[in-house]
Amino acid sequence: MFLSECSRRADPSIQDTGAGVPPQDMERVFDPFFTTRPAGIGPGLAICRTIIERYEGRLVLAESRPQGSTFEVISSSYCRS
């Protein structure tokens, strides 16, 4: 018995209703301690991404608009052959 690769699928999508992620910050939004808030410390998305990657998934910024952002968790799925 062995595991063969199967297609990746998007599991949950998380959408907020904030101001969105400005284009200049999209590359940095998952950096540890990156924040745009005056009193923020910024570990949230970095910690989420680390945990998801630990289990062979990915956390991505799927979309960002002035009405909010959408993040997707992409998990690996495996089939038994």
C-alpha atoms as a PDB file:
ATOM      1  CA  MET A   1       0.000   0.000   0.000  1.00  0.00           C
ATOM      2  CA  PHE A   2       1.266   3.505  -0.775  1.00  0.00           C
ATOM      3  CA  LEU A   3      -0.042   7.031  -0.953  1.00  0.00           C
ATOM      4  CA  SER A   4      -0.367   8.660  -4.342  1.00  0.00           C
ATOM      5  CA  GLU A   5      -0.842  12.350  -4.994  1.00  0.00           C
ATOM      6  CA  CYS A   6      -4.334  13.632  -5.557  1.00  0.00           C
ATOM      7  CA  SER A   7      -5.536  17.072  -6.461  1.00  0.00           C
ATOM      8  CA  ARG A   8      -5.340  19.871  -3.952  1.00  0.00           C
ATOM      9  CA  ARG A   9      -8.611  21.425  -2.933  1.00  0.00           C
ATOM     10  CA  ALA A  10      -9.588  24.610  -1.194  1.00  0.00           C
ATOM     11  CA  ASP A  11     -11.088  23.844   2.178  1.00  0.00           C
ATOM     12  CA  PRO A  12     -12.343  26.788   4.205  1.00  0.00           C
ATOM     13  CA  SER A  13     -12.398  30.359   3.048  1.00  0.00           C
ATOM     14  CA  ILE A  14     -12.239  33.058   5.692  1.00  0.00           C
ATOM     15  CA  GLN A  15     -13.533  36.495   4.799  1.00  0.00           C
ATOM     16  CA  ASP A  16     -13.361  39.648   6.886  1.00  0.00           C
ATOM     17  CA  THR A  17     -15.091  42.976   6.457  1.00  0.00           C
ATOM     18  CA  GLY A  18     -12.105  45.226   7.104  1.00  0.00           C
ATOM     19  CA  ALA A  19     -10.448  47.693   4.779  1.00  0.00           C
ATOM     20  CA  GLY A  20      -8.652  45.006   2.766  1.00  0.00           C
ATOM     21  CA  VAL A  21      -4.927  44.518   2.282  1.00  0.00           C
ATOM     22  CA  PRO A  22      -3.279  47.346   0.324  1.00  0.00           C
ATOM     23  CA  PRO A  23      -1.415  46.140  -2.781  1.00  0.00           C
ATOM     24  CA  GLN A  24       1.948  47.209  -1.345  1.00  0.00           C
ATOM     25  CA  ASP A  25       1.383  44.962   1.707  1.00  0.00           C
ATOM     26  CA  MET A  26       0.182  41.791  -0.043  1.00  0.00           C
ATOM     27  CA  GLU A  27       3.664  40.242  -0.153  1.00  0.00           C
ATOM     28  CA  ARG A  28       4.282  41.007   3.529  1.00  0.00           C
ATOM     29  CA  VAL A  29       0.932  40.139   5.114  1.00  0.00           C
ATOM     30  CA  PHE A  30       2.223  36.732   6.354  1.00  0.00           C
ATOM     31  CA  ASP A  31       5.558  38.051   7.641  1.00  0.00           C
ATOM     32  CA  PRO A  32       6.005  37.596  11.392  1.00  0.00           C
ATOM     33  CA  PHE A  33       5.239  40.797  13.299  1.00  0.00           C
ATOM     34  CA  PHE A  34       4.055  42.694  10.232  1.00  0.00           C
ATOM     35  CA  THR A  35       1.121  44.962  11.045  1.00  0.00           C
ATOM     36  CA  THR A  36      -0.513  48.095   9.743  1.00  0.00           C
ATOM     37  CA  ARG A  37      -2.277  48.805  13.018  1.00  0.00           C
ATOM     38  CA  PRO A  38      -0.757  51.385  15.371  1.00  0.00           C
ATOM     39  CA  ALA A  39      -1.183  49.129  18.417  1.00  0.00           C
ATOM     40  CA  GLY A  40      -0.842  45.791  16.598  1.00  0.00           C
ATOM     41  CA  ILE A  41       1.948  43.273  17.068  1.00  0.00           C
ATOM     42  CA  GLY A  42       1.239  41.213  13.935  1.00  0.00           C
ATOM     43  CA  PRO A  43       1.831  37.534  14.764  1.00  0.00           C
ATOM     44  CA  GLY A  44      -1.673  36.304  13.835  1.00  0.00           C
ATOM     45  CA  LEU A  45      -1.406  35.405  10.151  1.00  0.00           C
ATOM     46  CA  ALA A  46       2.201  34.239  10.496  1.00  0.00           C
ATOM     47  CA  ILE A  47       1.203  31.813  13.258  1.00  0.00           C
ATOM     48  CA  CYS A  48      -1.808  30.585  11.267  1.00  0.00           C
ATOM     49  CA  ARG A  49       0.335  29.981   8.201  1.00  0.00           C
ATOM     50  CA  THR A  50       2.997  28.141  10.223  1.00  0.00           C
ATOM     51  CA  ILE A  51       0.432  25.802  11.770  1.00  0.00           C
ATOM     52  CA  ILE A  52      -1.256  25.085   8.429  1.00  0.00           C
ATOM     53  CA  GLU A  53       2.089  24.461   6.701  1.00  0.00           C
ATOM     54  CA  ARG A  54       3.078  22.084   9.498  1.00  0.00           C
ATOM     55  CA  TYR A  55       0.227  19.876   8.302  1.00  0.00           C
ATOM     56  CA  GLU A  56       1.237  20.231   4.628  1.00  0.00           C
ATOM     57  CA  GLY A  57      -1.348  22.882   3.796  1.00  0.00           C
ATOM     58  CA  ARG A  58      -1.124  26.440   2.592  1.00  0.00           C
ATOM     59  CA  LEU A  59      -2.745  29.679   3.692  1.00  0.00           C
ATOM     60  CA  VAL A  60      -3.170  32.178   0.882  1.00  0.00           C
ATOM     61  CA  LEU A  61      -4.623  35.628   0.431  1.00  0.00           C
ATOM     62  CA  ALA A  62      -7.147  34.796  -2.272  1.00  0.00           C
ATOM     63  CA  GLU A  63      -8.682  38.232  -2.726  1.00  0.00           C
ATOM     64  CA  SER A  64      -8.559  41.665  -1.192  1.00  0.00           C
ATOM     65  CA  ARG A  65     -10.958  44.532  -1.785  1.00  0.00           C
ATOM     66  CA  PRO A  66     -11.787  47.725   0.081  1.00  0.00           C
ATOM     67  CA  GLN A  67     -14.703  45.795   1.661  1.00  0.00           C
ATOM     68  CA  GLY A  68     -12.474  43.050   3.089  1.00  0.00           C
ATOM     69  CA  SER A  69     -10.128  40.183   2.326  1.00  0.00           C
ATOM     70  CA  THR A  70     -10.618  36.492   1.664  1.00  0.00           C
ATOM     71  CA  PHE A  71      -8.077  33.937   2.822  1.00  0.00           C
ATOM     72  CA  GLU A  72      -8.146  30.288   1.750  1.00  0.00           C
ATOM     73  CA  VAL A  73      -6.736  27.221   3.425  1.00  0.00           C
ATOM     74  CA  ILE A  74      -5.486  24.792   0.791  1.00  0.00           C
ATOM     75  CA  SER A  75      -4.947  21.327   2.201  1.00  0.00           C
ATOM     76  CA  SER A  76      -3.217  18.361   0.718  1.00  0.00           C
ATOM     77  CA  SER A  77      -5.505  15.473   0.042  1.00  0.00           C
ATOM     78  CA  TYR A  78      -4.193  11.996  -0.509  1.00  0.00           C
ATOM     79  CA  CYS A  79      -5.780   8.916  -2.013  1.00  0.00           C
ATOM     80  CA  ARG A  80      -4.935   5.395  -1.108  1.00  0.00           C
ATOM     81  CA  SER A  81      -4.003   3.340  -4.149  1.00  0.00           C
END
